Amino acid sequence: MNETEVNAKLAQIFRQVFPAHQQEFTGNDSVETIGDWDSLGHIKLMLAIETAFKHKLSTAAMLELNSIAKIQIYLIEKGVL
């Protein structure tokens, strides 16, 4: 999986988890810019990422992954590509 495919899959996950967000998702989006990204939304997002990428996230990682950019970097660093 290349970086473009990872980003496309992340965009799909974000659209599924946060359907009320009407704008295009960008790397600048975070818990501060997506209204539905609350604690429950975060858990749903982390579970969706684990399922889609077949990668178990540690609790520490889950706490740190609070923006699309951080999620992208994490997935690249962990070799999910």
Protein backbone atom coordinates (compact mmCIF):
# COMPACT_ATOMS: atom_id res chain seq x y z
CA MET A 1 0.00 0.00 0.00
CA ASN A 2 1.45 3.37 -0.97
CA GLU A 3 0.95 6.76 0.65
CA THR A 4 -1.83 7.76 -1.75
CA GLU A 5 -3.75 4.57 -0.96
CA VAL A 6 -3.29 5.12 2.78
CA ASN A 7 -4.61 8.68 2.49
CA ALA A 8 -7.59 7.51 0.42
CA LYS A 9 -8.39 4.82 2.99
CA LEU A 10 -8.08 7.34 5.83
CA ALA A 11 -10.43 9.74 4.02
CA GLN A 12 -12.95 6.92 3.65
CA ILE A 13 -12.65 6.05 7.35
CA PHE A 14 -13.13 9.68 8.38
CA ARG A 15 -16.22 10.01 6.15
CA GLN A 16 -17.70 6.89 7.76
CA VAL A 17 -16.91 7.85 11.35
CA PHE A 18 -17.73 11.57 10.99
CA PRO A 19 -20.49 11.78 8.34
CA ALA A 20 -21.74 15.17 9.58
CA HIS A 21 -18.44 16.83 8.60
CA GLN A 22 -19.35 18.31 5.21
CA GLN A 23 -15.93 19.59 4.14
CA GLU A 24 -13.07 17.66 2.56
CA PHE A 25 -10.78 16.16 5.20
CA THR A 26 -7.24 17.52 5.20
CA GLY A 27 -4.07 16.97 7.19
CA ASN A 28 -4.93 20.11 9.14
CA ASP A 29 -8.10 18.57 10.57
CA SER A 30 -8.04 17.52 14.22
CA VAL A 31 -10.22 17.12 17.28
CA GLU A 32 -10.46 20.91 17.28
CA THR A 33 -11.84 21.24 13.72
CA ILE A 34 -14.17 18.23 13.48
CA GLY A 35 -17.19 18.77 15.71
CA ASP A 36 -18.08 15.09 16.13
CA TRP A 37 -14.53 14.12 17.07
CA ASP A 38 -15.26 13.79 20.76
CA SER A 39 -14.20 10.96 23.08
CA LEU A 40 -16.68 8.48 21.61
CA GLY A 41 -15.85 9.56 18.07
CA HIS A 42 -12.16 9.08 18.86
CA ILE A 43 -12.72 5.51 20.03
CA LYS A 44 -14.75 4.75 16.90
CA LEU A 45 -12.02 6.29 14.74
CA MET A 46 -9.22 4.32 16.41
CA LEU A 47 -11.15 1.05 16.07
CA ALA A 48 -11.86 1.78 12.40
CA ILE A 49 -8.17 2.48 11.77
CA GLU A 50 -7.13 -0.73 13.53
CA THR A 51 -9.59 -2.73 11.45
CA ALA A 52 -8.84 -1.08 8.11
CA PHE A 53 -5.05 -1.25 8.43
CA LYS A 54 -4.89 -4.49 10.44
CA HIS A 55 -2.63 -2.78 12.95
CA LYS A 56 -3.11 -2.78 16.73
CA LEU A 57 -2.75 0.68 18.25
CA SER A 58 -1.28 1.03 21.73
CA THR A 59 -3.15 3.10 24.30
CA ALA A 60 -0.37 5.70 24.18
CA ALA A 61 -0.65 5.95 20.39
CA MET A 62 -4.42 6.32 20.60
CA LEU A 63 -4.01 9.24 22.98
CA GLU A 64 -1.50 10.97 20.70
CA LEU A 65 -3.34 10.48 17.39
CA ASN A 66 -5.53 13.56 17.59
CA SER A 67 -5.13 14.91 14.05
CA ILE A 68 -5.16 13.52 10.54
CA ALA A 69 -1.53 14.58 10.06
CA LYS A 70 -0.43 12.70 13.20
CA ILE A 71 -2.33 9.61 12.07
CA GLN A 72 -0.71 9.75 8.62
CA ILE A 73 2.78 10.12 10.11
CA TYR A 74 2.18 7.31 12.59
CA LEU A 75 1.02 4.90 9.89
CA ILE A 76 4.03 5.73 7.72
CA GLU A 77 6.47 5.34 10.63
CA LYS A 78 4.92 1.99 11.58
CA GLY A 79 5.33 0.75 8.02
CA VAL A 80 1.65 0.32 7.28
CA LEU A 81 2.38 1.54 3.74
